[in-house]
Amino acid sequence: MIYTCDVGRYRLRGSSLGGIHTAIMVPELRVLFDVGHFSRAFVGADHIFISHGHADHLGSLPSLMGARGLQQKGPPKIYMPEGVEAPLKRALDAMASLQRYDLTIDAVPMQPGDTTQIGPDLWVRAFRTYHSVPSLGYQLFRRVKKLKPEFRHLSGDEIRRLRESGAPIFDVVEQYELAYATDTLPRVLKAEPMLLESKVLILECTFLDERKSRDDARSGGHIHLDDLLDDLPRFQNEHLVLMHFSQIYEPREIKEILRAKLPAELVDRVVPFVPPGRCWPL
């Protein structure tokens, strides 16, 4: 059921089919975005980011928690929009009662703009997405030191002496590594310009052609490919991973549509997250 794609230094594992299921893991970061289906490959995720409370993005969390329990793993941190925690815990309590097995989670409710550290040099910031229920996207970034412009002309020895003297010669800047935004209107791209600077942007693109109009997409809180075509010059991402495609499209057809509609200079940077072959996995 899961498939992979390599984007720069990261490998994405999982699957995404609009309205059916979405779960995408980044093994190198031990991060999982959404849990709309379960795979043993996801058991190693220490940080799980929930975009919203719809079942196709959250419904397989009990299975994941149960599998972690079998491996004697403690509860992972699960980040979610504020307001999702209470009903989610009630649902998990009901499942725990049915199977007589603890499904305790380490919940981290977040609001747009909240930032927290998830690794020695890795942070995540939540941002608002635009769907029919409370929803969030997530930007993963590193904080790195860069020499201030006024010192860049100095030699290595001069910089070393200044550093040893305690002079403030560095700025701390954010290096945007990977962002995830699903089930959202295209306005998120204007509201959060940092997404367009992320090395890897995982972005929903539910509809692709005239079979569904932009208005159809927006009425469901989704993005149409034509929305992105308007803004393509603004995308600075090394890799733009499109996912959450509607099941009205076959995987091979998605690749053909993208090749036909995207400018030639962008085709290699846009990666459709789809399985090989003609059909979606059953």
C-alpha atoms as a PDB file:
ATOM      1  CA  MET A   1       0.000   0.000   0.000  1.00  0.00           C
ATOM      2  CA  ILE A   2       2.913   2.362   0.578  1.00  0.00           C
ATOM      3  CA  TYR A   3       5.239   3.801  -2.028  1.00  0.00           C
ATOM      4  CA  THR A   4       8.329   5.972  -1.916  1.00  0.00           C
ATOM      5  CA  CYS A   5       9.960   8.924  -3.592  1.00  0.00           C
ATOM      6  CA  ASP A   6      13.349  10.524  -3.036  1.00  0.00           C
ATOM      7  CA  VAL A   7      13.566  14.298  -2.773  1.00  0.00           C
ATOM      8  CA  GLY A   8      17.014  15.658  -2.021  1.00  0.00           C
ATOM      9  CA  ARG A   9      18.285  14.224   1.248  1.00  0.00           C
ATOM     10  CA  TYR A  10      14.899  12.789   2.211  1.00  0.00           C
ATOM     11  CA  ARG A  11      12.907   9.707   1.270  1.00  0.00           C
ATOM     12  CA  LEU A  12       9.125   9.953   1.562  1.00  0.00           C
ATOM     13  CA  ARG A  13       7.235   6.747   2.381  1.00  0.00           C
ATOM     14  CA  GLY A  14       3.493   6.332   2.548  1.00  0.00           C
ATOM     15  CA  SER A  15       0.489   6.951   0.354  1.00  0.00           C
ATOM     16  CA  SER A  16      -2.083   9.640  -0.282  1.00  0.00           C
ATOM     17  CA  LEU A  17      -5.399   9.446  -2.118  1.00  0.00           C
ATOM     18  CA  GLY A  18      -7.856  12.288  -1.694  1.00  0.00           C
ATOM     19  CA  GLY A  19     -10.791  11.413   0.555  1.00  0.00           C
ATOM     20  CA  ILE A  20      -9.462   7.893   1.190  1.00  0.00           C
ATOM     21  CA  HIS A  21      -6.219   8.089   3.172  1.00  0.00           C
ATOM     22  CA  THR A  22      -3.069  10.135   3.654  1.00  0.00           C
ATOM     23  CA  ALA A  23       0.028   9.231   5.668  1.00  0.00           C
ATOM     24  CA  ILE A  24       3.549  10.263   4.658  1.00  0.00           C
ATOM     25  CA  MET A  25       6.665   9.439   6.668  1.00  0.00           C
ATOM     26  CA  VAL A  26      10.122  10.997   6.466  1.00  0.00           C
ATOM     27  CA  PRO A  27      12.293   8.225   7.980  1.00  0.00           C
ATOM     28  CA  GLU A  28      15.433  10.366   8.206  1.00  0.00           C
ATOM     29  CA  LEU A  29      13.608  12.719  10.576  1.00  0.00           C
ATOM     30  CA  ARG A  30      11.445  10.043  12.278  1.00  0.00           C
ATOM     31  CA  VAL A  31       8.476  12.227  11.357  1.00  0.00           C
ATOM     32  CA  LEU A  32       5.029  11.141  10.130  1.00  0.00           C
ATOM     33  CA  PHE A  33       2.519  13.509   8.560  1.00  0.00           C
ATOM     34  CA  ASP A  34      -1.050  12.307   9.173  1.00  0.00           C
ATOM     35  CA  VAL A  35      -2.169   8.751   9.933  1.00  0.00           C
ATOM     36  CA  GLY A  36      -4.961   8.032   7.477  1.00  0.00           C
ATOM     37  CA  HIS A  37      -3.697   4.483   7.038  1.00  0.00           C
ATOM     38  CA  PHE A  38      -1.298   2.209   8.880  1.00  0.00           C
ATOM     39  CA  SER A  39       1.943   0.549   7.829  1.00  0.00           C
ATOM     40  CA  ARG A  40       4.596  -1.132   9.943  1.00  0.00           C
ATOM     41  CA  ALA A  41       7.008   1.340   8.352  1.00  0.00           C
ATOM     42  CA  PHE A  42       5.407   4.077  10.460  1.00  0.00           C
ATOM     43  CA  VAL A  43       6.094   2.484  13.852  1.00  0.00           C
ATOM     44  CA  GLY A  44       9.459   4.249  14.122  1.00  0.00           C
ATOM     45  CA  ALA A  45       7.937   7.732  13.913  1.00  0.00           C
ATOM     46  CA  ASP A  46       8.666   9.702  17.084  1.00  0.00           C
ATOM     47  CA  HIS A  47       6.810  12.823  15.957  1.00  0.00           C
ATOM     48  CA  ILE A  48       3.384  12.645  14.302  1.00  0.00           C
ATOM     49  CA  PHE A  49       1.832  15.756  12.797  1.00  0.00           C
ATOM     50  CA  ILE A  50      -1.937  15.737  12.322  1.00  0.00           C
ATOM     51  CA  SER A  51      -3.315  18.237   9.820  1.00  0.00           C
ATOM     52  CA  HIS A  52      -6.965  17.952  10.911  1.00  0.00           C
ATOM     53  CA  GLY A  53      -9.489  15.577  12.396  1.00  0.00           C
ATOM     54  CA  HIS A  54     -10.967  13.923   9.294  1.00  0.00           C
ATOM     55  CA  ALA A  55     -10.750  10.134   9.345  1.00  0.00           C
ATOM     56  CA  ASP A  56      -8.782   9.869   6.099  1.00  0.00           C
ATOM     57  CA  HIS A  57      -5.954  11.733   7.845  1.00  0.00           C
ATOM     58  CA  LEU A  58      -6.309  10.406  11.398  1.00  0.00           C
ATOM     59  CA  GLY A  59      -8.343   7.205  11.411  1.00  0.00           C
ATOM     60  CA  SER A  60      -5.480   4.699  11.660  1.00  0.00           C
ATOM     61  CA  LEU A  61      -3.878   6.206  14.751  1.00  0.00           C
ATOM     62  CA  PRO A  62      -5.196   3.407  17.047  1.00  0.00           C
ATOM     63  CA  SER A  63      -3.546   0.785  14.828  1.00  0.00           C
ATOM     64  CA  LEU A  64      -0.253   2.663  14.922  1.00  0.00           C
ATOM     65  CA  MET A  65      -0.403   3.039  18.694  1.00  0.00           C
ATOM     66  CA  GLY A  66      -1.180  -0.652  19.114  1.00  0.00           C
ATOM     67  CA  ALA A  67       1.769  -1.654  16.931  1.00  0.00           C
ATOM     68  CA  ARG A  68       4.097   0.606  18.903  1.00  0.00           C
ATOM     69  CA  GLY A  69       2.874  -1.049  22.080  1.00  0.00           C
ATOM     70  CA  LEU A  70       3.760  -4.487  20.717  1.00  0.00           C
ATOM     71  CA  GLN A  71       7.317  -3.235  20.250  1.00  0.00           C
ATOM     72  CA  GLN A  72       7.431  -1.750  23.755  1.00  0.00           C
ATOM     73  CA  LYS A  73       7.697   1.766  22.366  1.00  0.00           C
ATOM     74  CA  GLY A  74       6.360   4.630  24.413  1.00  0.00           C
ATOM     75  CA  PRO A  75       3.757   7.032  23.071  1.00  0.00           C
ATOM     76  CA  PRO A  76       5.050   9.348  20.351  1.00  0.00           C
ATOM     77  CA  LYS A  77       4.489  13.064  20.444  1.00  0.00           C
ATOM     78  CA  ILE A  78       1.400  13.857  18.389  1.00  0.00           C
ATOM     79  CA  TYR A  79       1.003  17.445  17.235  1.00  0.00           C
ATOM     80  CA  MET A  80      -2.467  18.599  16.269  1.00  0.00           C
ATOM     81  CA  PRO A  81      -4.684  21.658  15.891  1.00  0.00           C
ATOM     82  CA  GLU A  82      -5.940  22.977  19.191  1.00  0.00           C
ATOM     83  CA  GLY A  83      -9.428  21.607  19.734  1.00  0.00           C
ATOM     84  CA  VAL A  84      -8.676  18.192  18.271  1.00  0.00           C
ATOM     85  CA  GLU A  85      -7.071  16.823  21.446  1.00  0.00           C
ATOM     86  CA  ALA A  86     -10.207  16.317  23.579  1.00  0.00           C
ATOM     87  CA  PRO A  87     -12.357  14.451  21.013  1.00  0.00           C
ATOM     88  CA  LEU A  88      -9.333  12.450  19.864  1.00  0.00           C
ATOM     89  CA  LYS A  89      -8.610  11.293  23.399  1.00  0.00           C
ATOM     90  CA  ARG A  90     -12.268  10.316  23.843  1.00  0.00           C
ATOM     91  CA  ALA A  91     -12.110   8.263  20.653  1.00  0.00           C
ATOM     92  CA  LEU A  92      -8.889   6.571  21.760  1.00  0.00           C
ATOM     93  CA  ASP A  93     -10.351   5.873  25.199  1.00  0.00           C
ATOM     94  CA  ALA A  94     -13.280   4.119  23.509  1.00  0.00           C
ATOM     95  CA  MET A  95     -10.925   2.030  21.369  1.00  0.00           C
ATOM     96  CA  ALA A  96      -8.776   1.219  24.404  1.00  0.00           C
ATOM     97  CA  SER A  97     -11.894   0.023  26.227  1.00  0.00           C
ATOM     98  CA  LEU A  98     -12.839  -2.225  23.314  1.00  0.00           C
ATOM     99  CA  GLN A  99      -9.445  -3.896  23.062  1.00  0.00           C
ATOM    100  CA  ARG A 100      -8.454  -3.558  26.721  1.00  0.00           C
ATOM    101  CA  TYR A 101      -5.129  -2.034  25.786  1.00  0.00           C
ATOM    102  CA  ASP A 102      -3.807   1.383  26.708  1.00  0.00           C
ATOM    103  CA  LEU A 103      -3.753   3.964  23.889  1.00  0.00           C
ATOM    104  CA  THR A 104      -2.338   6.915  25.782  1.00  0.00           C
ATOM    105  CA  ILE A 105      -0.821   9.638  23.605  1.00  0.00           C
ATOM    106  CA  ASP A 106       1.529  12.518  24.279  1.00  0.00           C
ATOM    107  CA  ALA A 107      -0.614  15.236  22.708  1.00  0.00           C
ATOM    108  CA  VAL A 108       0.824  18.610  21.712  1.00  0.00           C
ATOM    109  CA  PRO A 109      -2.015  20.984  20.748  1.00  0.00           C
ATOM    110  CA  MET A 110      -0.784  23.791  18.509  1.00  0.00           C
ATOM    111  CA  GLN A 111      -2.018  27.101  17.189  1.00  0.00           C
ATOM    112  CA  PRO A 112      -0.806  28.880  14.055  1.00  0.00           C
ATOM    113  CA  GLY A 113       2.616  30.370  14.773  1.00  0.00           C
ATOM    114  CA  ASP A 114       3.498  27.958  17.584  1.00  0.00           C
ATOM    115  CA  THR A 115       7.075  26.685  17.338  1.00  0.00           C
ATOM    116  CA  THR A 116       8.705  23.774  19.134  1.00  0.00           C
ATOM    117  CA  GLN A 117      12.005  21.911  18.919  1.00  0.00           C
ATOM    118  CA  ILE A 118      11.829  18.289  17.742  1.00  0.00           C
ATOM    119  CA  GLY A 119      15.529  17.475  17.350  1.00  0.00           C
ATOM    120  CA  PRO A 120      19.009  18.725  18.255  1.00  0.00           C
ATOM    121  CA  ASP A 121      18.931  21.211  15.391  1.00  0.00           C
ATOM    122  CA  LEU A 122      15.385  20.850  14.060  1.00  0.00           C
ATOM    123  CA  TRP A 123      12.281  22.882  14.841  1.00  0.00           C
ATOM    124  CA  VAL A 124       8.690  22.865  13.614  1.00  0.00           C
ATOM    125  CA  ARG A 125       6.306  25.770  13.221  1.00  0.00           C
ATOM    126  CA  ALA A 126       2.564  25.319  12.759  1.00  0.00           C
ATOM    127  CA  PHE A 127       0.694  27.507  10.299  1.00  0.00           C
ATOM    128  CA  ARG A 128      -2.944  27.913   9.423  1.00  0.00           C
ATOM    129  CA  THR A 129      -4.430  26.013   6.515  1.00  0.00           C
ATOM    130  CA  TYR A 130      -7.882  26.633   5.097  1.00  0.00           C
ATOM    131  CA  HIS A 131     -10.267  23.691   5.259  1.00  0.00           C
ATOM    132  CA  SER A 132     -13.784  22.953   6.478  1.00  0.00           C
ATOM    133  CA  VAL A 133     -12.579  22.072   9.993  1.00  0.00           C
ATOM    134  CA  PRO A 134      -9.736  23.440  12.172  1.00  0.00           C
ATOM    135  CA  SER A 135      -6.529  22.535  10.362  1.00  0.00           C
ATOM    136  CA  LEU A 136      -2.792  23.160  10.373  1.00  0.00           C
ATOM    137  CA  GLY A 137       0.231  22.740   8.166  1.00  0.00           C
ATOM    138  CA  TYR A 138       3.759  22.284   9.438  1.00  0.00           C
ATOM    139  CA  GLN A 139       7.096  23.854   8.486  1.00  0.00           C
ATOM    140  CA  LEU A 140      10.266  22.045   9.582  1.00  0.00           C
ATOM    141  CA  PHE A 141      13.352  24.214   9.760  1.00  0.00           C
ATOM    142  CA  ARG A 142      16.874  24.438  11.139  1.00  0.00           C
ATOM    143  CA  ARG A 143      18.472  27.395  12.872  1.00  0.00           C
ATOM    144  CA  VAL A 144      21.934  28.027  11.488  1.00  0.00           C
ATOM    145  CA  LYS A 145      24.573  30.660  12.116  1.00  0.00           C
ATOM    146  CA  LYS A 146      25.626  32.857   9.212  1.00  0.00           C
ATOM    147  CA  LEU A 147      28.350  35.454   9.220  1.00  0.00           C
ATOM    148  CA  LYS A 148      26.944  38.968   9.276  1.00  0.00           C
ATOM    149  CA  PRO A 149      27.416  40.810   5.959  1.00  0.00           C
ATOM    150  CA  GLU A 150      29.750  43.402   7.449  1.00  0.00           C
ATOM    151  CA  PHE A 151      32.295  40.704   8.377  1.00  0.00           C
ATOM    152  CA  ARG A 152      32.265  38.655   5.178  1.00  0.00           C
ATOM    153  CA  HIS A 153      35.261  40.417   3.667  1.00  0.00           C
ATOM    154  CA  LEU A 154      37.535  39.412   6.561  1.00  0.00           C
ATOM    155  CA  SER A 155      40.099  36.630   6.439  1.00  0.00           C
ATOM    156  CA  GLY A 156      39.646  33.381   8.323  1.00  0.00           C
ATOM    157  CA  ASP A 157      42.148  34.421  10.992  1.00  0.00           C
ATOM    158  CA  GLU A 158      40.402  37.750  11.549  1.00  0.00           C
ATOM    159  CA  ILE A 159      37.030  36.035  11.897  1.00  0.00           C
ATOM    160  CA  ARG A 160      38.504  33.513  14.336  1.00  0.00           C
ATOM    161  CA  ARG A 161      39.942  36.269  16.537  1.00  0.00           C
ATOM    162  CA  LEU A 162      36.632  38.119  16.587  1.00  0.00           C
ATOM    163  CA  ARG A 163      34.779  34.935  17.469  1.00  0.00           C
ATOM    164  CA  GLU A 164      37.191  34.145  20.296  1.00  0.00           C
ATOM    165  CA  SER A 165      36.766  37.677  21.635  1.00  0.00           C
ATOM    166  CA  GLY A 166      33.034  37.113  21.952  1.00  0.00           C
ATOM    167  CA  ALA A 167      32.080  39.667  19.305  1.00  0.00           C
ATOM    168  CA  PRO A 168      28.555  39.083  17.868  1.00  0.00           C
ATOM    169  CA  ILE A 169      29.606  38.323  14.317  1.00  0.00           C
ATOM    170  CA  PHE A 170      26.892  35.798  13.425  1.00  0.00           C
ATOM    171  CA  ASP A 171      23.193  36.058  12.671  1.00  0.00           C
ATOM    172  CA  VAL A 172      20.942  33.084  13.419  1.00  0.00           C
ATOM    173  CA  VAL A 173      18.765  32.398  10.391  1.00  0.00           C
ATOM    174  CA  GLU A 174      16.077  29.837   9.674  1.00  0.00           C
ATOM    175  CA  GLN A 175      16.787  27.300   6.962  1.00  0.00           C
ATOM    176  CA  TYR A 176      13.478  25.891   5.722  1.00  0.00           C
ATOM    177  CA  GLU A 177      13.878  22.163   5.211  1.00  0.00           C
ATOM    178  CA  LEU A 178      10.484  20.630   4.577  1.00  0.00           C
ATOM    179  CA  ALA A 179       6.878  21.823   4.719  1.00  0.00           C
ATOM    180  CA  TYR A 180       3.559  19.966   4.636  1.00  0.00           C
ATOM    181  CA  ALA A 181       0.206  21.466   3.678  1.00  0.00           C
ATOM    182  CA  THR A 182      -2.844  19.409   2.822  1.00  0.00           C
ATOM    183  CA  ASP A 183      -6.604  19.887   2.629  1.00  0.00           C
ATOM    184  CA  THR A 184      -6.322  23.614   2.149  1.00  0.00           C
ATOM    185  CA  LEU A 185      -7.304  26.431  -0.148  1.00  0.00           C
ATOM    186  CA  PRO A 186      -4.534  27.904  -2.312  1.00  0.00           C
ATOM    187  CA  ARG A 187      -4.560  31.108  -0.273  1.00  0.00           C
ATOM    188  CA  VAL A 188      -2.163  29.365   2.138  1.00  0.00           C
ATOM    189  CA  LEU A 189       0.645  30.041  -0.350  1.00  0.00           C
ATOM    190  CA  LYS A 190       0.153  33.787  -0.091  1.00  0.00           C
ATOM    191  CA  ALA A 191      -0.461  33.743   3.655  1.00  0.00           C
ATOM    192  CA  GLU A 192       2.698  31.685   4.304  1.00  0.00           C
ATOM    193  CA  PRO A 193       5.390  32.733   1.797  1.00  0.00           C
ATOM    194  CA  MET A 194       7.969  30.670   3.711  1.00  0.00           C
ATOM    195  CA  LEU A 195       6.408  27.588   2.090  1.00  0.00           C
ATOM    196  CA  LEU A 196       7.739  28.683  -1.270  1.00  0.00           C
ATOM    197  CA  GLU A 197      11.278  28.839   0.176  1.00  0.00           C
ATOM    198  CA  SER A 198      11.284  25.388   1.754  1.00  0.00           C
ATOM    199  CA  LYS A 199      13.720  22.951   0.156  1.00  0.00           C
ATOM    200  CA  VAL A 200      10.919  20.399  -0.013  1.00  0.00           C
ATOM    201  CA  LEU A 201       7.246  21.366  -0.096  1.00  0.00           C
ATOM    202  CA  ILE A 202       4.660  18.585   0.217  1.00  0.00           C
ATOM    203  CA  LEU A 203       1.442  20.129  -1.038  1.00  0.00           C
ATOM    204  CA  GLU A 204      -2.012  18.857  -1.812  1.00  0.00           C
ATOM    205  CA  CYS A 205      -3.261  19.157  -5.394  1.00  0.00           C
ATOM    206  CA  THR A 206      -6.568  17.320  -5.408  1.00  0.00           C
ATOM    207  CA  PHE A 207      -7.794  18.226  -8.899  1.00  0.00           C
ATOM    208  CA  LEU A 208      -5.852  18.620 -12.127  1.00  0.00           C
ATOM    209  CA  ASP A 209      -8.023  19.353 -15.146  1.00  0.00           C
ATOM    210  CA  GLU A 210     -11.438  20.326 -16.466  1.00  0.00           C
ATOM    211  CA  ARG A 211     -13.199  17.341 -14.912  1.00  0.00           C
ATOM    212  CA  LYS A 212     -13.335  19.465 -11.756  1.00  0.00           C
ATOM    213  CA  SER A 213     -13.214  23.253 -11.831  1.00  0.00           C
ATOM    214  CA  ARG A 214     -11.377  25.575  -9.486  1.00  0.00           C
ATOM    215  CA  ASP A 215     -14.722  26.379  -7.895  1.00  0.00           C
ATOM    216  CA  ASP A 216     -15.326  22.667  -7.308  1.00  0.00           C
ATOM    217  CA  ALA A 217     -11.934  22.412  -5.617  1.00  0.00           C
ATOM    218  CA  ARG A 218     -12.486  25.444  -3.433  1.00  0.00           C
ATOM    219  CA  SER A 219     -15.948  24.335  -2.350  1.00  0.00           C
ATOM    220  CA  GLY A 220     -14.305  21.306  -0.741  1.00  0.00           C
ATOM    221  CA  GLY A 221     -11.374  23.246   0.692  1.00  0.00           C
ATOM    222  CA  HIS A 222      -8.834  21.960  -1.830  1.00  0.00           C
ATOM    223  CA  ILE A 223      -6.316  23.085  -4.460  1.00  0.00           C
ATOM    224  CA  HIS A 224      -6.615  22.749  -8.241  1.00  0.00           C
ATOM    225  CA  LEU A 225      -3.498  22.484 -10.387  1.00  0.00           C
ATOM    226  CA  ASP A 226      -4.558  25.620 -12.257  1.00  0.00           C
ATOM    227  CA  ASP A 227      -4.267  27.541  -8.974  1.00  0.00           C
ATOM    228  CA  LEU A 228      -0.603  26.566  -8.797  1.00  0.00           C
ATOM    229  CA  LEU A 229       0.118  27.368 -12.433  1.00  0.00           C
ATOM    230  CA  ASP A 230      -0.719  31.001 -11.706  1.00  0.00           C
ATOM    231  CA  ASP A 231       1.966  31.148  -9.006  1.00  0.00           C
ATOM    232  CA  LEU A 232       4.710  28.922 -10.407  1.00  0.00           C
ATOM    233  CA  PRO A 233       7.273  31.736 -10.800  1.00  0.00           C
ATOM    234  CA  ARG A 234       7.122  32.254  -7.016  1.00  0.00           C
ATOM    235  CA  PHE A 235       8.049  28.663  -6.140  1.00  0.00           C
ATOM    236  CA  GLN A 236      11.704  28.480  -5.083  1.00  0.00           C
ATOM    237  CA  ASN A 237      11.515  24.912  -3.784  1.00  0.00           C
ATOM    238  CA  GLU A 238      14.119  22.410  -4.877  1.00  0.00           C
ATOM    239  CA  HIS A 239      11.350  19.794  -4.843  1.00  0.00           C
ATOM    240  CA  LEU A 240       7.589  20.365  -4.992  1.00  0.00           C
ATOM    241  CA  VAL A 241       5.827  17.128  -4.037  1.00  0.00           C
ATOM    242  CA  LEU A 242       2.176  17.101  -5.086  1.00  0.00           C
ATOM    243  CA  MET A 243      -0.161  14.636  -3.417  1.00  0.00           C
ATOM    244  CA  HIS A 244      -3.753  14.007  -2.217  1.00  0.00           C
ATOM    245  CA  PHE A 245      -4.939  13.531  -5.800  1.00  0.00           C
ATOM    246  CA  SER A 246      -8.571  12.670  -6.419  1.00  0.00           C
ATOM    247  CA  GLN A 247      -9.323   9.059  -7.295  1.00  0.00           C
ATOM    248  CA  ILE A 248     -10.914  10.250 -10.553  1.00  0.00           C
ATOM    249  CA  TYR A 249      -7.325  10.251 -11.880  1.00  0.00           C
ATOM    250  CA  GLU A 250      -5.170   7.174 -12.399  1.00  0.00           C
ATOM    251  CA  PRO A 251      -1.547   7.428 -11.212  1.00  0.00           C
ATOM    252  CA  ARG A 252      -0.080   7.211 -14.712  1.00  0.00           C
ATOM    253  CA  GLU A 253      -2.593   9.774 -15.949  1.00  0.00           C
ATOM    254  CA  ILE A 254      -1.507  12.206 -13.223  1.00  0.00           C
ATOM    255  CA  LYS A 255       2.059  12.123 -14.505  1.00  0.00           C
ATOM    256  CA  GLU A 256       0.865  12.732 -18.059  1.00  0.00           C
ATOM    257  CA  ILE A 257      -1.278  15.708 -17.050  1.00  0.00           C
ATOM    258  CA  LEU A 258       1.577  17.287 -15.124  1.00  0.00           C
ATOM    259  CA  ARG A 259       3.990  16.855 -18.028  1.00  0.00           C
ATOM    260  CA  ALA A 260       1.466  18.464 -20.358  1.00  0.00           C
ATOM    261  CA  LYS A 261       0.551  21.434 -18.150  1.00  0.00           C
ATOM    262  CA  LEU A 262       3.800  22.321 -16.389  1.00  0.00           C
ATOM    263  CA  PRO A 263       6.481  24.498 -17.990  1.00  0.00           C
ATOM    264  CA  ALA A 264       9.386  22.362 -19.193  1.00  0.00           C
ATOM    265  CA  GLU A 265      11.835  24.020 -16.791  1.00  0.00           C
ATOM    266  CA  LEU A 266       9.733  22.949 -13.786  1.00  0.00           C
ATOM    267  CA  VAL A 267       8.848  19.376 -14.700  1.00  0.00           C
ATOM    268  CA  ASP A 268      11.931  17.924 -12.984  1.00  0.00           C
ATOM    269  CA  ARG A 269      11.253  19.828  -9.751  1.00  0.00           C
ATOM    270  CA  VAL A 270       7.623  18.704  -9.438  1.00  0.00           C
ATOM    271  CA  VAL A 271       7.201  15.198  -8.033  1.00  0.00           C
ATOM    272  CA  PRO A 272       3.769  13.513  -8.019  1.00  0.00           C
ATOM    273  CA  PHE A 273       3.465  11.292  -4.949  1.00  0.00           C
ATOM    274  CA  VAL A 274       1.766   8.352  -6.649  1.00  0.00           C
ATOM    275  CA  PRO A 275       2.402   4.613  -6.906  1.00  0.00           C
ATOM    276  CA  PRO A 276       4.050   3.083  -9.964  1.00  0.00           C
ATOM    277  CA  GLY A 277       1.755   1.645 -12.588  1.00  0.00           C
ATOM    278  CA  ARG A 278      -1.760   2.495 -13.661  1.00  0.00           C
ATOM    279  CA  CYS A 279      -3.859   1.810 -10.570  1.00  0.00           C
ATOM    280  CA  TRP A 280      -4.128   2.914  -6.984  1.00  0.00           C
ATOM    281  CA  PRO A 281      -3.408   0.156  -4.426  1.00  0.00           C
ATOM    282  CA  LEU A 282      -6.512  -1.589  -3.130  1.00  0.00           C
END
